[in-house]
Amino acid sequence: MVMETLNPLARDFILFCTRRNHKEWPALYDEMCWVAGQRLFRGLGYSELRKAGISLSLSNIEETIRMIDTITEQK
């Protein structure tokens, strides 16, 4: 994934979740689901995050992992 095409909101969501002490998979995935379910990041839930490019669906998990890897490697 090219960083220029990544929605800044998606990037900020991932960084928010990694800063909550869950940087390793699958704990990070669990944290992302928890944050989305509770709308802890800017009041956004699953559907809003999906529109921003973050899918927490298991059918799209490989793309989500690649996005996380790209973001965490650059910070």
C-alpha atoms as a PDB file:
ATOM      1  CA  MET A   1       0.000   0.000   0.000  1.00  0.00           C
ATOM      2  CA  VAL A   2       1.303   3.409  -0.939  1.00  0.00           C
ATOM      3  CA  MET A   3       1.234   5.821   1.980  1.00  0.00           C
ATOM      4  CA  GLU A   4       0.020   8.676  -0.254  1.00  0.00           C
ATOM      5  CA  THR A   5      -3.261   6.808  -0.791  1.00  0.00           C
ATOM      6  CA  LEU A   6      -3.804   6.004   2.875  1.00  0.00           C
ATOM      7  CA  ASN A   7      -6.530   8.005   4.527  1.00  0.00           C
ATOM      8  CA  PRO A   8      -4.961  10.079   7.348  1.00  0.00           C
ATOM      9  CA  LEU A   9      -7.863   9.056   9.574  1.00  0.00           C
ATOM     10  CA  ALA A  10      -6.956   5.378   9.090  1.00  0.00           C
ATOM     11  CA  ARG A  11      -3.324   6.136   9.931  1.00  0.00           C
ATOM     12  CA  ASP A  12      -4.296   8.041  13.068  1.00  0.00           C
ATOM     13  CA  PHE A  13      -6.622   5.230  14.180  1.00  0.00           C
ATOM     14  CA  ILE A  14      -3.849   2.644  13.873  1.00  0.00           C
ATOM     15  CA  LEU A  15      -1.369   4.835  15.733  1.00  0.00           C
ATOM     16  CA  PHE A  16      -3.965   5.524  18.438  1.00  0.00           C
ATOM     17  CA  CYS A  17      -4.413   1.789  18.963  1.00  0.00           C
ATOM     18  CA  THR A  18      -0.676   1.026  18.999  1.00  0.00           C
ATOM     19  CA  ARG A  19      -0.131   3.723  21.617  1.00  0.00           C
ATOM     20  CA  ARG A  20      -2.550   1.956  23.949  1.00  0.00           C
ATOM     21  CA  ASN A  21       0.154  -0.657  24.710  1.00  0.00           C
ATOM     22  CA  HIS A  22      -1.011  -3.214  22.156  1.00  0.00           C
ATOM     23  CA  LYS A  23       1.626  -3.365  19.463  1.00  0.00           C
ATOM     24  CA  GLU A  24       1.779  -7.083  18.734  1.00  0.00           C
ATOM     25  CA  TRP A  25      -0.661  -9.116  16.702  1.00  0.00           C
ATOM     26  CA  PRO A  26      -3.275 -10.439  17.701  1.00  0.00           C
ATOM     27  CA  ALA A  27      -3.516  -8.144  20.743  1.00  0.00           C
ATOM     28  CA  LEU A  28      -3.450  -5.149  18.408  1.00  0.00           C
ATOM     29  CA  TYR A  29      -6.356  -6.554  16.392  1.00  0.00           C
ATOM     30  CA  ASP A  30      -8.327  -7.097  19.598  1.00  0.00           C
ATOM     31  CA  GLU A  31      -7.576  -3.530  20.661  1.00  0.00           C
ATOM     32  CA  MET A  32      -8.649  -2.150  17.281  1.00  0.00           C
ATOM     33  CA  CYS A  33     -11.945  -4.032  17.528  1.00  0.00           C
ATOM     34  CA  TRP A  34     -12.456  -2.826  21.104  1.00  0.00           C
ATOM     35  CA  VAL A  35     -11.730   0.794  20.190  1.00  0.00           C
ATOM     36  CA  ALA A  36     -14.076   0.636  17.187  1.00  0.00           C
ATOM     37  CA  GLY A  37     -16.806  -1.105  19.167  1.00  0.00           C
ATOM     38  CA  GLN A  38     -16.642   1.473  21.950  1.00  0.00           C
ATOM     39  CA  ARG A  39     -16.111   4.391  19.522  1.00  0.00           C
ATOM     40  CA  LEU A  40     -13.086   5.511  21.529  1.00  0.00           C
ATOM     41  CA  PHE A  41     -11.290   7.101  18.578  1.00  0.00           C
ATOM     42  CA  ARG A  42     -13.027  10.333  17.589  1.00  0.00           C
ATOM     43  CA  GLY A  43     -16.409   8.673  18.071  1.00  0.00           C
ATOM     44  CA  LEU A  44     -15.872   6.423  15.048  1.00  0.00           C
ATOM     45  CA  GLY A  45     -17.237   2.891  14.859  1.00  0.00           C
ATOM     46  CA  TYR A  46     -16.792   0.014  12.449  1.00  0.00           C
ATOM     47  CA  SER A  47     -18.708   1.507   9.522  1.00  0.00           C
ATOM     48  CA  GLU A  48     -16.985   4.892   9.721  1.00  0.00           C
ATOM     49  CA  LEU A  49     -13.575   3.258   9.944  1.00  0.00           C
ATOM     50  CA  ARG A  50     -14.423   1.019   6.983  1.00  0.00           C
ATOM     51  CA  LYS A  51     -15.215   4.155   4.949  1.00  0.00           C
ATOM     52  CA  ALA A  52     -11.798   5.520   5.960  1.00  0.00           C
ATOM     53  CA  GLY A  53     -10.106   2.356   4.694  1.00  0.00           C
ATOM     54  CA  ILE A  54      -9.843   0.257   7.870  1.00  0.00           C
ATOM     55  CA  SER A  55     -11.622  -3.066   7.615  1.00  0.00           C
ATOM     56  CA  LEU A  56     -11.658  -5.202  10.713  1.00  0.00           C
ATOM     57  CA  SER A  57     -13.379  -8.016   8.843  1.00  0.00           C
ATOM     58  CA  LEU A  58     -11.469 -11.291   8.849  1.00  0.00           C
ATOM     59  CA  SER A  59     -12.009 -11.547   5.094  1.00  0.00           C
ATOM     60  CA  ASN A  60      -9.836  -8.413   4.627  1.00  0.00           C
ATOM     61  CA  ILE A  61      -7.378  -9.060   7.424  1.00  0.00           C
ATOM     62  CA  GLU A  62      -4.307  -9.433   5.187  1.00  0.00           C
ATOM     63  CA  GLU A  63      -4.783  -5.935   3.771  1.00  0.00           C
ATOM     64  CA  THR A  64      -5.286  -4.535   7.267  1.00  0.00           C
ATOM     65  CA  ILE A  65      -2.088  -6.220   8.471  1.00  0.00           C
ATOM     66  CA  ARG A  66      -0.123  -4.773   5.533  1.00  0.00           C
ATOM     67  CA  MET A  67      -1.499  -1.316   6.331  1.00  0.00           C
ATOM     68  CA  ILE A  68      -0.524  -1.657   9.995  1.00  0.00           C
ATOM     69  CA  ASP A  69       2.963  -2.868   9.089  1.00  0.00           C
ATOM     70  CA  THR A  70       3.471   0.067   6.714  1.00  0.00           C
ATOM     71  CA  ILE A  71       2.346   2.611   9.285  1.00  0.00           C
ATOM     72  CA  THR A  72       4.241   1.198  12.252  1.00  0.00           C
ATOM     73  CA  GLU A  73       7.458   0.816  10.253  1.00  0.00           C
ATOM     74  CA  GLN A  74       7.402   4.518   9.327  1.00  0.00           C
ATOM     75  CA  LYS A  75       6.882   6.019  12.759  1.00  0.00           C
END
